[in-house]
Amino acid sequence: MDCSDFRTAISARLDGEDMPPDVPDAVLDAHLRECPACRDWRERARELRELTGRWSGSG
């Protein structure tokens, strides 16, 4: 499993979707503790989600 698999799971988690079956929550959490690149990706994805939510709600 590589970071792209974990980033798919991060995206699903942020969107409230079902997690990929090959990436249980505990495995994702363990990866995030060890991988600063994926932690950074998660934060940028979270910020983007917040910004797009504000933008779409302002019209």
PDB file of N, CA and C in Angstrom:
ATOM      1  N   MET A   1       0.849  -1.173   0.000  1.00  0.00           N
ATOM      2  CA  MET A   1       0.000   0.000   0.000  1.00  0.00           C
ATOM      3  C   MET A   1       0.894   1.235   0.000  1.00  0.00           C
ATOM      4  N   ASP A   2       0.527   2.227  -0.798  1.00  0.00           N
ATOM      5  CA  ASP A   2       1.328   3.444  -0.824  1.00  0.00           C
ATOM      6  C   ASP A   2       0.469   4.649  -0.450  1.00  0.00           C
ATOM      7  N   CYS A   3       1.091   5.806  -0.453  1.00  0.00           N
ATOM      8  CA  CYS A   3       0.398   7.012   0.010  1.00  0.00           C
ATOM      9  C   CYS A   3      -0.850   7.318  -0.808  1.00  0.00           C
ATOM     10  N   SER A   4      -0.865   6.990  -2.086  1.00  0.00           N
ATOM     11  CA  SER A   4      -2.068   7.277  -2.878  1.00  0.00           C
ATOM     12  C   SER A   4      -3.269   6.490  -2.355  1.00  0.00           C
ATOM     13  N   ASP A   5      -3.040   5.267  -1.878  1.00  0.00           N
ATOM     14  CA  ASP A   5      -4.135   4.488  -1.281  1.00  0.00           C
ATOM     15  C   ASP A   5      -4.646   5.164  -0.011  1.00  0.00           C
ATOM     16  N   PHE A   6      -3.716   5.654   0.794  1.00  0.00           N
ATOM     17  CA  PHE A   6      -4.102   6.324   2.032  1.00  0.00           C
ATOM     18  C   PHE A   6      -4.807   7.649   1.741  1.00  0.00           C
ATOM     19  N   ARG A   7      -4.380   8.331   0.708  1.00  0.00           N
ATOM     20  CA  ARG A   7      -5.017   9.618   0.378  1.00  0.00           C
ATOM     21  C   ARG A   7      -6.437   9.419  -0.125  1.00  0.00           C
ATOM     22  N   THR A   8      -6.685   8.311  -0.804  1.00  0.00           N
ATOM     23  CA  THR A   8      -8.054   7.977  -1.192  1.00  0.00           C
ATOM     24  C   THR A   8      -8.907   7.771   0.060  1.00  0.00           C
ATOM     25  N   ALA A   9      -8.349   7.098   1.051  1.00  0.00           N
ATOM     26  CA  ALA A   9      -9.064   6.863   2.310  1.00  0.00           C
ATOM     27  C   ALA A   9      -9.275   8.168   3.065  1.00  0.00           C
ATOM     28  N   ILE A  10      -8.281   9.034   3.068  1.00  0.00           N
ATOM     29  CA  ILE A  10      -8.415  10.339   3.728  1.00  0.00           C
ATOM     30  C   ILE A  10      -9.553  11.120   3.090  1.00  0.00           C
ATOM     31  N   SER A  11      -9.582  11.136   1.775  1.00  0.00           N
ATOM     32  CA  SER A  11     -10.638  11.845   1.061  1.00  0.00           C
ATOM     33  C   SER A  11     -12.011  11.290   1.415  1.00  0.00           C
ATOM     34  N   ALA A  12     -12.126   9.974   1.449  1.00  0.00           N
ATOM     35  CA  ALA A  12     -13.401   9.352   1.818  1.00  0.00           C
ATOM     36  C   ALA A  12     -13.809   9.753   3.230  1.00  0.00           C
ATOM     37  N   ARG A  13     -12.850   9.737   4.143  1.00  0.00           N
ATOM     38  CA  ARG A  13     -13.135  10.101   5.533  1.00  0.00           C
ATOM     39  C   ARG A  13     -13.619  11.555   5.615  1.00  0.00           C
ATOM     40  N   LEU A  14     -12.939  12.453   4.928  1.00  0.00           N
ATOM     41  CA  LEU A  14     -13.318  13.861   4.974  1.00  0.00           C
ATOM     42  C   LEU A  14     -14.702  14.102   4.370  1.00  0.00           C
ATOM     43  N   ASP A  15     -15.037  13.304   3.348  1.00  0.00           N
ATOM     44  CA  ASP A  15     -16.324  13.467   2.675  1.00  0.00           C
ATOM     45  C   ASP A  15     -17.447  12.677   3.332  1.00  0.00           C
ATOM     46  N   GLY A  16     -17.133  11.927   4.388  1.00  0.00           N
ATOM     47  CA  GLY A  16     -18.148  11.133   5.063  1.00  0.00           C
ATOM     48  C   GLY A  16     -18.564   9.910   4.271  1.00  0.00           C
ATOM     49  N   GLU A  17     -17.707   9.470   3.364  1.00  0.00           N
ATOM     50  CA  GLU A  17     -18.005   8.296   2.555  1.00  0.00           C
ATOM     51  C   GLU A  17     -17.456   7.042   3.221  1.00  0.00           C
ATOM     52  N   ASP A  18     -17.853   5.880   2.696  1.00  0.00           N
ATOM     53  CA  ASP A  18     -17.310   4.618   3.189  1.00  0.00           C
ATOM     54  C   ASP A  18     -15.821   4.554   2.886  1.00  0.00           C
ATOM     55  N   MET A  19     -15.082   4.068   3.857  1.00  0.00           N
ATOM     56  CA  MET A  19     -13.642   3.898   3.673  1.00  0.00           C
ATOM     57  C   MET A  19     -13.395   2.731   2.726  1.00  0.00           C
ATOM     58  N   PRO A  20     -12.311   2.785   1.961  1.00  0.00           N
ATOM     59  CA  PRO A  20     -11.954   1.623   1.142  1.00  0.00           C
ATOM     60  C   PRO A  20     -11.761   0.403   2.055  1.00  0.00           C
ATOM     61  N   PRO A  21     -12.222  -0.767   1.637  1.00  0.00           N
ATOM     62  CA  PRO A  21     -12.160  -1.943   2.518  1.00  0.00           C
ATOM     63  C   PRO A  21     -10.733  -2.352   2.884  1.00  0.00           C
ATOM     64  N   ASP A  22      -9.767  -1.991   2.063  1.00  0.00           N
ATOM     65  CA  ASP A  22      -8.388  -2.380   2.358  1.00  0.00           C
ATOM     66  C   ASP A  22      -7.659  -1.381   3.248  1.00  0.00           C
ATOM     67  N   VAL A  23      -8.365  -0.314   3.680  1.00  0.00           N
ATOM     68  CA  VAL A  23      -7.751   0.682   4.559  1.00  0.00           C
ATOM     69  C   VAL A  23      -8.666   0.938   5.753  1.00  0.00           C
ATOM     70  N   PRO A  24      -8.617   0.072   6.755  1.00  0.00           N
ATOM     71  CA  PRO A  24      -9.427   0.306   7.960  1.00  0.00           C
ATOM     72  C   PRO A  24      -8.970   1.572   8.692  1.00  0.00           C
ATOM     73  N   ASP A  25      -9.850   2.119   9.497  1.00  0.00           N
ATOM     74  CA  ASP A  25      -9.541   3.348  10.238  1.00  0.00           C
ATOM     75  C   ASP A  25      -8.227   3.257  11.009  1.00  0.00           C
ATOM     76  N   ALA A  26      -8.022   2.157  11.709  1.00  0.00           N
ATOM     77  CA  ALA A  26      -6.809   2.022  12.523  1.00  0.00           C
ATOM     78  C   ALA A  26      -5.545   2.043  11.672  1.00  0.00           C
ATOM     79  N   VAL A  27      -5.603   1.445  10.497  1.00  0.00           N
ATOM     80  CA  VAL A  27      -4.439   1.435   9.598  1.00  0.00           C
ATOM     81  C   VAL A  27      -4.176   2.848   9.076  1.00  0.00           C
ATOM     82  N   LEU A  28      -5.235   3.554   8.713  1.00  0.00           N
ATOM     83  CA  LEU A  28      -5.078   4.931   8.246  1.00  0.00           C
ATOM     84  C   LEU A  28      -4.511   5.808   9.355  1.00  0.00           C
ATOM     85  N   ASP A  29      -5.043   5.683  10.553  1.00  0.00           N
ATOM     86  CA  ASP A  29      -4.548   6.484  11.671  1.00  0.00           C
ATOM     87  C   ASP A  29      -3.069   6.208  11.945  1.00  0.00           C
ATOM     88  N   ALA A  30      -2.668   4.942  11.877  1.00  0.00           N
ATOM     89  CA  ALA A  30      -1.265   4.593  12.096  1.00  0.00           C
ATOM     90  C   ALA A  30      -0.391   5.206  11.003  1.00  0.00           C
ATOM     91  N   HIS A  31      -0.856   5.161   9.770  1.00  0.00           N
ATOM     92  CA  HIS A  31      -0.083   5.756   8.672  1.00  0.00           C
ATOM     93  C   HIS A  31       0.056   7.262   8.866  1.00  0.00           C
ATOM     94  N   LEU A  32      -1.022   7.913   9.259  1.00  0.00           N
ATOM     95  CA  LEU A  32      -0.967   9.368   9.455  1.00  0.00           C
ATOM     96  C   LEU A  32      -0.005   9.758  10.574  1.00  0.00           C
ATOM     97  N   ARG A  33       0.120   8.922  11.580  1.00  0.00           N
ATOM     98  CA  ARG A  33       1.085   9.209  12.648  1.00  0.00           C
ATOM     99  C   ARG A  33       2.519   9.155  12.130  1.00  0.00           C
ATOM    100  N   GLU A  34       2.762   8.322  11.116  1.00  0.00           N
ATOM    101  CA  GLU A  34       4.118   8.098  10.623  1.00  0.00           C
ATOM    102  C   GLU A  34       4.471   8.890   9.358  1.00  0.00           C
ATOM    103  N   CYS A  35       3.484   9.445   8.671  1.00  0.00           N
ATOM    104  CA  CYS A  35       3.741  10.046   7.357  1.00  0.00           C
ATOM    105  C   CYS A  35       3.397  11.537   7.344  1.00  0.00           C
ATOM    106  N   PRO A  36       4.407  12.391   7.458  1.00  0.00           N
ATOM    107  CA  PRO A  36       4.130  13.823   7.435  1.00  0.00           C
ATOM    108  C   PRO A  36       3.556  14.307   6.103  1.00  0.00           C
ATOM    109  N   ALA A  37       3.906  13.654   5.004  1.00  0.00           N
ATOM    110  CA  ALA A  37       3.375  14.073   3.703  1.00  0.00           C
ATOM    111  C   ALA A  37       1.864  13.853   3.632  1.00  0.00           C
ATOM    112  N   CYS A  38       1.386  12.738   4.163  1.00  0.00           N
ATOM    113  CA  CYS A  38      -0.059  12.486   4.152  1.00  0.00           C
ATOM    114  C   CYS A  38      -0.789  13.361   5.169  1.00  0.00           C
ATOM    115  N   ARG A  39      -0.151  13.655   6.290  1.00  0.00           N
ATOM    116  CA  ARG A  39      -0.766  14.594   7.243  1.00  0.00           C
ATOM    117  C   ARG A  39      -0.930  15.960   6.585  1.00  0.00           C
ATOM    118  N   ASP A  40       0.083  16.404   5.857  1.00  0.00           N
ATOM    119  CA  ASP A  40       0.009  17.682   5.148  1.00  0.00           C
ATOM    120  C   ASP A  40      -1.086  17.633   4.082  1.00  0.00           C
ATOM    121  N   TRP A  41      -1.164  16.537   3.348  1.00  0.00           N
ATOM    122  CA  TRP A  41      -2.182  16.377   2.312  1.00  0.00           C
ATOM    123  C   TRP A  41      -3.574  16.445   2.936  1.00  0.00           C
ATOM    124  N   ARG A  42      -3.746  15.789   4.092  1.00  0.00           N
ATOM    125  CA  ARG A  42      -5.034  15.811   4.789  1.00  0.00           C
ATOM    126  C   ARG A  42      -5.424  17.236   5.176  1.00  0.00           C
ATOM    127  N   GLU A  43      -4.470  18.002   5.680  1.00  0.00           N
ATOM    128  CA  GLU A  43      -4.770  19.378   6.076  1.00  0.00           C
ATOM    129  C   GLU A  43      -5.135  20.244   4.876  1.00  0.00           C
ATOM    130  N   ARG A  44      -4.414  20.092   3.784  1.00  0.00           N
ATOM    131  CA  ARG A  44      -4.740  20.864   2.573  1.00  0.00           C
ATOM    132  C   ARG A  44      -6.099  20.461   2.023  1.00  0.00           C
ATOM    133  N   ALA A  45      -6.415  19.164   2.059  1.00  0.00           N
ATOM    134  CA  ALA A  45      -7.719  18.694   1.591  1.00  0.00           C
ATOM    135  C   ALA A  45      -8.836  19.233   2.481  1.00  0.00           C
ATOM    136  N   ARG A  46      -8.594  19.259   3.779  1.00  0.00           N
ATOM    137  CA  ARG A  46      -9.583  19.794   4.722  1.00  0.00           C
ATOM    138  C   ARG A  46      -9.819  21.282   4.464  1.00  0.00           C
ATOM    139  N   GLU A  47      -8.741  22.024   4.259  1.00  0.00           N
ATOM    140  CA  GLU A  47      -8.862  23.455   3.967  1.00  0.00           C
ATOM    141  C   GLU A  47      -9.611  23.688   2.661  1.00  0.00           C
ATOM    142  N   LEU A  48      -9.300  22.905   1.643  1.00  0.00           N
ATOM    143  CA  LEU A  48      -9.989  23.042   0.362  1.00  0.00           C
ATOM    144  C   LEU A  48     -11.474  22.751   0.511  1.00  0.00           C
ATOM    145  N   ARG A  49     -11.797  21.719   1.284  1.00  0.00           N
ATOM    146  CA  ARG A  49     -13.205  21.376   1.519  1.00  0.00           C
ATOM    147  C   ARG A  49     -13.929  22.529   2.210  1.00  0.00           C
ATOM    148  N   GLU A  50     -13.281  23.128   3.205  1.00  0.00           N
ATOM    149  CA  GLU A  50     -13.892  24.260   3.903  1.00  0.00           C
ATOM    150  C   GLU A  50     -14.081  25.449   2.969  1.00  0.00           C
ATOM    151  N   LEU A  51     -13.068  25.752   2.174  1.00  0.00           N
ATOM    152  CA  LEU A  51     -13.160  26.884   1.247  1.00  0.00           C
ATOM    153  C   LEU A  51     -14.244  26.670   0.199  1.00  0.00           C
ATOM    154  N   THR A  52     -14.314  25.493  -0.374  1.00  0.00           N
ATOM    155  CA  THR A  52     -15.340  25.249  -1.393  1.00  0.00           C
ATOM    156  C   THR A  52     -16.724  25.233  -0.766  1.00  0.00           C
ATOM    157  N   GLY A  53     -16.829  24.800   0.474  1.00  0.00           N
ATOM    158  CA  GLY A  53     -18.116  24.828   1.165  1.00  0.00           C
ATOM    159  C   GLY A  53     -18.585  26.259   1.385  1.00  0.00           C
ATOM    160  N   ARG A  54     -17.663  27.128   1.751  1.00  0.00           N
ATOM    161  CA  ARG A  54     -18.013  28.544   1.931  1.00  0.00           C
ATOM    162  C   ARG A  54     -18.381  29.189   0.614  1.00  0.00           C
ATOM    163  N   TRP A  55     -17.619  28.870  -0.426  1.00  0.00           N
ATOM    164  CA  TRP A  55     -17.854  29.461  -1.739  1.00  0.00           C
ATOM    165  C   TRP A  55     -19.209  29.045  -2.289  1.00  0.00           C
ATOM    166  N   SER A  56     -19.530  27.757  -2.182  1.00  0.00           N
ATOM    167  CA  SER A  56     -20.797  27.280  -2.739  1.00  0.00           C
ATOM    168  C   SER A  56     -21.996  27.761  -1.908  1.00  0.00           C
ATOM    169  N   GLY A  57     -21.756  28.078  -0.638  1.00  0.00           N
ATOM    170  CA  GLY A  57     -22.836  28.551   0.203  1.00  0.00           C
ATOM    171  C   GLY A  57     -23.070  30.037   0.146  1.00  0.00           C
ATOM    172  N   SER A  58     -22.193  30.751  -0.566  1.00  0.00           N
ATOM    173  CA  SER A  58     -22.310  32.203  -0.577  1.00  0.00           C
ATOM    174  C   SER A  58     -23.183  32.737  -1.704  1.00  0.00           C
ATOM    175  N   GLY A  59     -23.639  31.843  -2.602  1.00  0.00           N
ATOM    176  CA  GLY A  59     -24.391  32.322  -3.777  1.00  0.00           C
ATOM    177  C   GLY A  59     -25.820  32.300  -3.629  1.00  0.00           C
TER     178      GLY A  59
END
